[in-house]
Amino acid sequence: MSYTRYLPFAGRLLIGLPFAMSGLGKLGAYAGTTALIASAGLPLPPLAFAVAVAVELGGGVLLIAGYQARAVGLALAVFSIATAVAFHSNFADQNQMIHFLKNVMMAGGLLQIAAFGAGALSLDNRAKGTASYAGATVTG
C-alpha cells in the first residue's frame, strides 16, 4: 500500500475544514454577516446568509467526507470565485487583493477535486466498492 492513497483525503481535509469553520462562524454572527452582505450590495441578505452557511458548512463537511466530491468541489469553486468578486475586488487595498487571490487559489484546488474525484479514502469510493491506490484498483 502506498502513502499516496492518503493524499487526496489530506487535500480534502485542508480545503474543506476552512469552509466548514467559516460556515459555523457565520451561524454565530448573523447580524454582522447579513450587514456585510448588504454592504456589498447583494440582494436579499438573509437568503444570501442561508445560502452561504449551507454551501460553506454543508459543502465543507461533504468534501471532507468525500461524498459527491466532484459536484461539491465544483460548487465550492464557483462559490469561491463569486465571493472573491463580490467581497474582495478592491485591488487598491492590498489585503483585499490577497484575499481575492486566496479565493482563486482555493477554486483551483477545488477544480482539481472536481476533475479527479475524492480519492481512495472517501464515501464516494466506498459506495463504488473499490479502493484505488498506487495506480491499482482493488474490488472489495
N, C-alpha and C. Protein backbone atom coordinates (compact mmCIF):
# COMPACT_ATOMS: atom_id res chain seq x y z
N MET A 1 0.86 -1.17 0.00
CA MET A 1 0.00 0.00 0.00
C MET A 1 0.90 1.24 0.00
N SER A 2 0.50 2.23 -0.75
CA SER A 2 1.30 3.43 -0.90
C SER A 2 0.72 4.58 -0.07
N TYR A 3 1.63 5.42 0.43
CA TYR A 3 1.18 6.58 1.20
C TYR A 3 0.37 7.54 0.35
N THR A 4 0.52 7.49 -0.98
CA THR A 4 -0.18 8.44 -1.85
C THR A 4 -1.69 8.27 -1.81
N ARG A 5 -2.18 7.15 -1.34
CA ARG A 5 -3.63 6.98 -1.25
C ARG A 5 -4.24 7.90 -0.19
N TYR A 6 -3.41 8.40 0.73
CA TYR A 6 -3.89 9.30 1.78
C TYR A 6 -3.87 10.77 1.36
N LEU A 7 -3.15 11.09 0.31
CA LEU A 7 -3.02 12.49 -0.10
C LEU A 7 -4.35 13.14 -0.51
N PRO A 8 -5.22 12.47 -1.27
CA PRO A 8 -6.49 13.12 -1.59
C PRO A 8 -7.33 13.44 -0.35
N PHE A 9 -7.32 12.55 0.65
CA PHE A 9 -8.04 12.84 1.89
C PHE A 9 -7.43 14.05 2.59
N ALA A 10 -6.10 14.10 2.67
CA ALA A 10 -5.44 15.24 3.30
C ALA A 10 -5.80 16.54 2.57
N GLY A 11 -5.81 16.49 1.25
CA GLY A 11 -6.18 17.67 0.48
C GLY A 11 -7.62 18.08 0.72
N ARG A 12 -8.54 17.11 0.74
CA ARG A 12 -9.95 17.43 1.01
C ARG A 12 -10.12 18.01 2.40
N LEU A 13 -9.39 17.47 3.36
CA LEU A 13 -9.47 17.96 4.74
C LEU A 13 -8.96 19.40 4.82
N LEU A 14 -7.82 19.67 4.19
CA LEU A 14 -7.22 21.01 4.25
C LEU A 14 -8.04 22.06 3.51
N ILE A 15 -8.78 21.66 2.49
CA ILE A 15 -9.64 22.61 1.79
C ILE A 15 -11.02 22.67 2.45
N GLY A 16 -11.53 21.54 2.90
CA GLY A 16 -12.89 21.50 3.46
C GLY A 16 -13.02 22.10 4.84
N LEU A 17 -12.00 21.94 5.69
CA LEU A 17 -12.08 22.46 7.06
C LEU A 17 -12.30 23.97 7.13
N PRO A 18 -11.56 24.78 6.38
CA PRO A 18 -11.83 26.23 6.45
C PRO A 18 -13.24 26.60 6.01
N PHE A 19 -13.78 25.89 5.03
CA PHE A 19 -15.16 26.15 4.61
C PHE A 19 -16.13 25.82 5.75
N ALA A 20 -15.96 24.65 6.35
CA ALA A 20 -16.85 24.25 7.44
C ALA A 20 -16.73 25.20 8.63
N MET A 21 -15.52 25.61 8.97
CA MET A 21 -15.33 26.53 10.08
C MET A 21 -15.93 27.90 9.79
N SER A 22 -15.81 28.35 8.56
CA SER A 22 -16.40 29.63 8.18
C SER A 22 -17.92 29.58 8.26
N GLY A 23 -18.50 28.47 7.82
CA GLY A 23 -19.95 28.30 7.92
C GLY A 23 -20.42 28.30 9.36
N LEU A 24 -19.68 27.60 10.22
CA LEU A 24 -20.03 27.60 11.64
C LEU A 24 -19.90 28.99 12.25
N GLY A 25 -18.86 29.71 11.87
CA GLY A 25 -18.66 31.06 12.37
C GLY A 25 -19.80 31.99 11.97
N LYS A 26 -20.29 31.81 10.75
CA LYS A 26 -21.41 32.64 10.29
C LYS A 26 -22.67 32.38 11.10
N LEU A 27 -22.87 31.15 11.53
CA LEU A 27 -24.06 30.82 12.34
C LEU A 27 -24.10 31.64 13.63
N GLY A 28 -22.94 31.95 14.17
CA GLY A 28 -22.87 32.73 15.40
C GLY A 28 -22.80 34.23 15.18
N ALA A 29 -22.84 34.65 13.92
CA ALA A 29 -22.69 36.08 13.62
C ALA A 29 -23.70 36.52 12.54
N TYR A 30 -24.96 36.20 12.79
CA TYR A 30 -26.00 36.50 11.78
C TYR A 30 -26.05 37.99 11.44
N ALA A 31 -26.14 38.85 12.44
CA ALA A 31 -26.30 40.29 12.19
C ALA A 31 -25.09 40.86 11.44
N GLY A 32 -23.92 40.53 11.89
CA GLY A 32 -22.71 41.04 11.23
C GLY A 32 -22.56 40.54 9.81
N THR A 33 -22.88 39.26 9.61
CA THR A 33 -22.75 38.68 8.28
C THR A 33 -23.76 39.27 7.32
N THR A 34 -25.01 39.39 7.74
CA THR A 34 -26.02 39.98 6.84
C THR A 34 -25.70 41.45 6.57
N ALA A 35 -25.14 42.16 7.53
CA ALA A 35 -24.74 43.55 7.30
C ALA A 35 -23.61 43.62 6.27
N LEU A 36 -22.66 42.70 6.35
CA LEU A 36 -21.57 42.65 5.38
C LEU A 36 -22.10 42.34 3.98
N ILE A 37 -23.03 41.40 3.90
CA ILE A 37 -23.63 41.04 2.62
C ILE A 37 -24.37 42.24 2.04
N ALA A 38 -25.12 42.95 2.87
CA ALA A 38 -25.84 44.13 2.42
C ALA A 38 -24.88 45.23 1.96
N SER A 39 -23.77 45.41 2.69
CA SER A 39 -22.81 46.46 2.33
C SER A 39 -22.12 46.16 1.00
N ALA A 40 -22.09 44.89 0.60
CA ALA A 40 -21.52 44.53 -0.70
C ALA A 40 -22.51 44.76 -1.83
N GLY A 41 -23.75 45.14 -1.46
CA GLY A 41 -24.77 45.42 -2.47
C GLY A 41 -25.49 44.19 -2.99
N LEU A 42 -25.35 43.09 -2.31
CA LEU A 42 -26.03 41.87 -2.74
C LEU A 42 -27.49 41.90 -2.30
N PRO A 43 -28.39 41.37 -3.12
CA PRO A 43 -29.81 41.38 -2.76
C PRO A 43 -30.13 40.32 -1.71
N LEU A 44 -31.19 40.55 -0.98
CA LEU A 44 -31.73 39.58 -0.01
C LEU A 44 -30.67 39.03 0.95
N PRO A 45 -30.08 39.87 1.77
CA PRO A 45 -29.03 39.39 2.68
C PRO A 45 -29.42 38.18 3.54
N PRO A 46 -30.66 38.08 4.06
CA PRO A 46 -30.97 36.88 4.85
C PRO A 46 -30.90 35.59 4.02
N LEU A 47 -31.36 35.66 2.77
CA LEU A 47 -31.27 34.49 1.89
C LEU A 47 -29.82 34.19 1.54
N ALA A 48 -29.05 35.23 1.25
CA ALA A 48 -27.63 35.04 0.94
C ALA A 48 -26.90 34.44 2.13
N PHE A 49 -27.27 34.85 3.34
CA PHE A 49 -26.70 34.27 4.56
C PHE A 49 -26.97 32.78 4.62
N ALA A 50 -28.23 32.39 4.40
CA ALA A 50 -28.61 30.98 4.46
C ALA A 50 -27.86 30.16 3.40
N VAL A 51 -27.74 30.71 2.20
CA VAL A 51 -27.03 30.02 1.13
C VAL A 51 -25.54 29.87 1.51
N ALA A 52 -24.95 30.95 2.01
CA ALA A 52 -23.53 30.91 2.37
C ALA A 52 -23.27 29.87 3.46
N VAL A 53 -24.11 29.82 4.48
CA VAL A 53 -23.93 28.84 5.55
C VAL A 53 -24.10 27.42 5.01
N ALA A 54 -25.12 27.21 4.19
CA ALA A 54 -25.36 25.87 3.63
C ALA A 54 -24.19 25.43 2.75
N VAL A 55 -23.72 26.33 1.90
CA VAL A 55 -22.62 25.97 1.00
C VAL A 55 -21.33 25.75 1.78
N GLU A 56 -21.01 26.65 2.69
CA GLU A 56 -19.75 26.52 3.42
C GLU A 56 -19.76 25.36 4.40
N LEU A 57 -20.75 25.31 5.26
CA LEU A 57 -20.80 24.26 6.27
C LEU A 57 -21.11 22.90 5.64
N GLY A 58 -22.17 22.86 4.85
CA GLY A 58 -22.54 21.61 4.20
C GLY A 58 -21.49 21.14 3.22
N GLY A 59 -21.03 22.05 2.37
CA GLY A 59 -20.02 21.69 1.38
C GLY A 59 -18.71 21.27 2.03
N GLY A 60 -18.31 21.97 3.07
CA GLY A 60 -17.07 21.60 3.77
C GLY A 60 -17.13 20.21 4.36
N VAL A 61 -18.23 19.89 5.02
CA VAL A 61 -18.39 18.57 5.63
C VAL A 61 -18.46 17.48 4.56
N LEU A 62 -19.22 17.72 3.50
CA LEU A 62 -19.32 16.74 2.42
C LEU A 62 -17.98 16.52 1.74
N LEU A 63 -17.23 17.60 1.56
CA LEU A 63 -15.92 17.47 0.92
C LEU A 63 -14.97 16.65 1.79
N ILE A 64 -14.94 16.93 3.08
CA ILE A 64 -14.08 16.17 3.99
C ILE A 64 -14.44 14.68 3.96
N ALA A 65 -15.74 14.40 3.97
CA ALA A 65 -16.19 13.00 3.95
C ALA A 65 -15.97 12.35 2.58
N GLY A 66 -15.80 13.16 1.56
CA GLY A 66 -15.63 12.61 0.22
C GLY A 66 -16.93 12.13 -0.38
N TYR A 67 -18.03 12.79 -0.05
CA TYR A 67 -19.33 12.41 -0.58
C TYR A 67 -19.71 13.39 -1.70
N GLN A 68 -19.95 12.85 -2.89
CA GLN A 68 -20.26 13.67 -4.06
C GLN A 68 -19.17 14.73 -4.24
N ALA A 69 -17.94 14.31 -4.08
CA ALA A 69 -16.82 15.25 -4.03
C ALA A 69 -16.65 16.05 -5.32
N ARG A 70 -16.91 15.45 -6.47
CA ARG A 70 -16.76 16.19 -7.72
C ARG A 70 -17.77 17.33 -7.80
N ALA A 71 -19.02 17.06 -7.50
CA ALA A 71 -20.06 18.09 -7.56
C ALA A 71 -19.84 19.14 -6.47
N VAL A 72 -19.48 18.70 -5.27
CA VAL A 72 -19.24 19.63 -4.17
C VAL A 72 -18.02 20.49 -4.48
N GLY A 73 -16.97 19.90 -5.02
CA GLY A 73 -15.78 20.67 -5.39
C GLY A 73 -16.11 21.74 -6.42
N LEU A 74 -16.92 21.40 -7.40
CA LEU A 74 -17.31 22.38 -8.41
C LEU A 74 -18.16 23.49 -7.79
N ALA A 75 -19.11 23.12 -6.94
CA ALA A 75 -19.97 24.12 -6.29
C ALA A 75 -19.14 25.07 -5.41
N LEU A 76 -18.20 24.52 -4.65
CA LEU A 76 -17.37 25.37 -3.80
C LEU A 76 -16.41 26.23 -4.63
N ALA A 77 -15.97 25.73 -5.77
CA ALA A 77 -15.12 26.54 -6.65
C ALA A 77 -15.89 27.75 -7.17
N VAL A 78 -17.12 27.51 -7.62
CA VAL A 78 -17.97 28.61 -8.09
C VAL A 78 -18.23 29.60 -6.95
N PHE A 79 -18.53 29.08 -5.77
CA PHE A 79 -18.77 29.93 -4.59
C PHE A 79 -17.53 30.76 -4.27
N SER A 80 -16.35 30.16 -4.36
CA SER A 80 -15.11 30.87 -4.06
C SER A 80 -14.87 32.02 -5.03
N ILE A 81 -15.11 31.79 -6.30
CA ILE A 81 -14.94 32.84 -7.30
C ILE A 81 -15.99 33.94 -7.09
N ALA A 82 -17.23 33.53 -6.82
CA ALA A 82 -18.29 34.52 -6.60
C ALA A 82 -17.99 35.40 -5.39
N THR A 83 -17.50 34.81 -4.31
CA THR A 83 -17.19 35.61 -3.12
C THR A 83 -15.96 36.48 -3.37
N ALA A 84 -15.02 36.00 -4.16
CA ALA A 84 -13.85 36.82 -4.49
C ALA A 84 -14.29 38.08 -5.22
N VAL A 85 -15.16 37.92 -6.20
CA VAL A 85 -15.63 39.06 -7.00
C VAL A 85 -16.50 39.99 -6.15
N ALA A 86 -17.39 39.42 -5.34
CA ALA A 86 -18.34 40.24 -4.58
C ALA A 86 -17.71 40.95 -3.39
N PHE A 87 -16.73 40.33 -2.75
CA PHE A 87 -16.23 40.88 -1.49
C PHE A 87 -14.76 41.30 -1.50
N HIS A 88 -14.00 40.87 -2.49
CA HIS A 88 -12.55 41.11 -2.46
C HIS A 88 -12.02 41.70 -3.76
N SER A 89 -12.79 42.52 -4.44
CA SER A 89 -12.35 43.03 -5.75
C SER A 89 -11.78 44.44 -5.69
N ASN A 90 -11.56 44.98 -4.50
CA ASN A 90 -10.94 46.30 -4.37
C ASN A 90 -9.42 46.10 -4.36
N PHE A 91 -8.82 46.10 -5.55
CA PHE A 91 -7.39 45.81 -5.66
C PHE A 91 -6.51 46.97 -5.20
N ALA A 92 -7.10 48.13 -4.93
CA ALA A 92 -6.33 49.24 -4.36
C ALA A 92 -5.92 48.91 -2.93
N ASP A 93 -6.68 48.02 -2.28
CA ASP A 93 -6.38 47.55 -0.93
C ASP A 93 -5.63 46.22 -1.06
N GLN A 94 -4.35 46.21 -0.70
CA GLN A 94 -3.53 45.01 -0.87
C GLN A 94 -4.11 43.81 -0.12
N ASN A 95 -4.70 44.04 1.05
CA ASN A 95 -5.31 42.96 1.81
C ASN A 95 -6.44 42.31 1.02
N GLN A 96 -7.26 43.14 0.36
CA GLN A 96 -8.35 42.59 -0.44
C GLN A 96 -7.83 41.82 -1.65
N MET A 97 -6.75 42.31 -2.25
CA MET A 97 -6.15 41.60 -3.38
C MET A 97 -5.64 40.23 -2.94
N ILE A 98 -5.03 40.17 -1.75
CA ILE A 98 -4.55 38.89 -1.22
C ILE A 98 -5.72 37.93 -1.00
N HIS A 99 -6.82 38.44 -0.44
CA HIS A 99 -7.99 37.58 -0.23
C HIS A 99 -8.59 37.14 -1.57
N PHE A 100 -8.60 38.02 -2.55
CA PHE A 100 -9.08 37.66 -3.88
C PHE A 100 -8.25 36.50 -4.44
N LEU A 101 -6.94 36.64 -4.39
CA LEU A 101 -6.06 35.59 -4.91
C LEU A 101 -6.18 34.30 -4.11
N LYS A 102 -6.38 34.40 -2.79
CA LYS A 102 -6.60 33.21 -1.95
C LYS A 102 -7.83 32.45 -2.43
N ASN A 103 -8.91 33.19 -2.72
CA ASN A 103 -10.13 32.55 -3.20
C ASN A 103 -9.91 31.90 -4.56
N VAL A 104 -9.15 32.56 -5.43
CA VAL A 104 -8.85 31.99 -6.75
C VAL A 104 -8.03 30.71 -6.59
N MET A 105 -7.06 30.72 -5.68
CA MET A 105 -6.25 29.52 -5.45
C MET A 105 -7.09 28.38 -4.89
N MET A 106 -8.00 28.70 -3.97
CA MET A 106 -8.89 27.66 -3.44
C MET A 106 -9.74 27.07 -4.57
N ALA A 107 -10.23 27.93 -5.44
CA ALA A 107 -11.03 27.45 -6.57
C ALA A 107 -10.21 26.50 -7.43
N GLY A 108 -8.94 26.81 -7.62
CA GLY A 108 -8.07 25.92 -8.39
C GLY A 108 -7.95 24.55 -7.76
N GLY A 109 -7.73 24.49 -6.46
CA GLY A 109 -7.66 23.20 -5.77
C GLY A 109 -8.98 22.45 -5.82
N LEU A 110 -10.07 23.18 -5.70
CA LEU A 110 -11.40 22.57 -5.75
C LEU A 110 -11.70 22.01 -7.15
N LEU A 111 -11.21 22.69 -8.18
CA LEU A 111 -11.39 22.18 -9.54
C LEU A 111 -10.58 20.90 -9.75
N GLN A 112 -9.46 20.76 -9.05
CA GLN A 112 -8.70 19.51 -9.11
C GLN A 112 -9.53 18.37 -8.53
N ILE A 113 -10.22 18.63 -7.44
CA ILE A 113 -11.10 17.62 -6.85
C ILE A 113 -12.24 17.30 -7.80
N ALA A 114 -12.82 18.34 -8.42
CA ALA A 114 -13.90 18.12 -9.38
C ALA A 114 -13.42 17.29 -10.56
N ALA A 115 -12.18 17.49 -10.97
CA ALA A 115 -11.65 16.76 -12.13
C ALA A 115 -11.25 15.33 -11.80
N PHE A 116 -10.62 15.13 -10.64
CA PHE A 116 -10.02 13.83 -10.35
C PHE A 116 -10.74 13.02 -9.28
N GLY A 117 -11.74 13.59 -8.63
CA GLY A 117 -12.52 12.85 -7.66
C GLY A 117 -11.94 12.89 -6.26
N ALA A 118 -12.58 12.13 -5.38
CA ALA A 118 -12.29 12.19 -3.95
C ALA A 118 -11.10 11.36 -3.53
N GLY A 119 -10.74 10.37 -4.29
CA GLY A 119 -9.63 9.50 -3.91
C GLY A 119 -10.10 8.27 -3.15
N ALA A 120 -9.13 7.48 -2.70
CA ALA A 120 -9.41 6.17 -2.11
C ALA A 120 -10.18 6.26 -0.80
N LEU A 121 -9.80 7.16 0.07
CA LEU A 121 -10.42 7.25 1.40
C LEU A 121 -11.57 8.24 1.36
N SER A 122 -12.69 7.78 0.84
CA SER A 122 -13.85 8.66 0.67
C SER A 122 -15.14 7.85 0.64
N LEU A 123 -16.23 8.51 0.94
CA LEU A 123 -17.53 7.85 0.81
C LEU A 123 -17.85 7.55 -0.64
N ASP A 124 -17.42 8.41 -1.56
CA ASP A 124 -17.63 8.14 -2.98
C ASP A 124 -17.00 6.82 -3.38
N ASN A 125 -15.76 6.60 -2.95
CA ASN A 125 -15.05 5.38 -3.31
C ASN A 125 -15.64 4.17 -2.59
N ARG A 126 -16.07 4.34 -1.37
CA ARG A 126 -16.69 3.25 -0.61
C ARG A 126 -17.99 2.81 -1.27
N ALA A 127 -18.74 3.79 -1.77
CA ALA A 127 -20.01 3.48 -2.44
C ALA A 127 -19.78 2.67 -3.71
N LYS A 128 -18.64 2.90 -4.37
CA LYS A 128 -18.31 2.14 -5.57
C LYS A 128 -17.83 0.73 -5.24
N GLY A 129 -17.42 0.53 -3.99
CA GLY A 129 -16.93 -0.78 -3.58
C GLY A 129 -15.52 -1.06 -4.04
N THR A 130 -14.75 0.00 -4.34
CA THR A 130 -13.38 -0.19 -4.78
C THR A 130 -12.45 0.68 -3.97
N ALA A 131 -11.22 0.28 -3.91
CA ALA A 131 -10.18 1.09 -3.30
C ALA A 131 -9.08 1.27 -4.31
N SER A 132 -8.79 2.50 -4.66
CA SER A 132 -7.78 2.78 -5.66
C SER A 132 -6.56 3.41 -4.99
N TYR A 133 -5.40 2.84 -5.21
CA TYR A 133 -4.19 3.43 -4.69
C TYR A 133 -3.01 2.92 -5.51
N ALA A 134 -2.00 3.74 -5.58
CA ALA A 134 -0.74 3.41 -6.28
C ALA A 134 -1.01 2.89 -7.69
N GLY A 135 -2.00 3.45 -8.36
CA GLY A 135 -2.27 3.08 -9.74
C GLY A 135 -3.05 1.80 -9.90
N ALA A 136 -3.43 1.14 -8.83
CA ALA A 136 -4.17 -0.12 -8.92
C ALA A 136 -5.57 0.06 -8.35
N THR A 137 -6.49 -0.70 -8.87
CA THR A 137 -7.83 -0.70 -8.34
C THR A 137 -8.13 -2.07 -7.77
N VAL A 138 -8.59 -2.08 -6.52
CA VAL A 138 -8.91 -3.32 -5.83
C VAL A 138 -10.42 -3.36 -5.60
N THR A 139 -11.07 -4.40 -6.05
CA THR A 139 -12.52 -4.54 -5.84
C THR A 139 -12.72 -5.28 -4.54
N GLY A 140 -13.64 -4.71 -3.73
CA GLY A 140 -13.83 -5.31 -2.40
C GLY A 140 -15.18 -5.72 -2.14
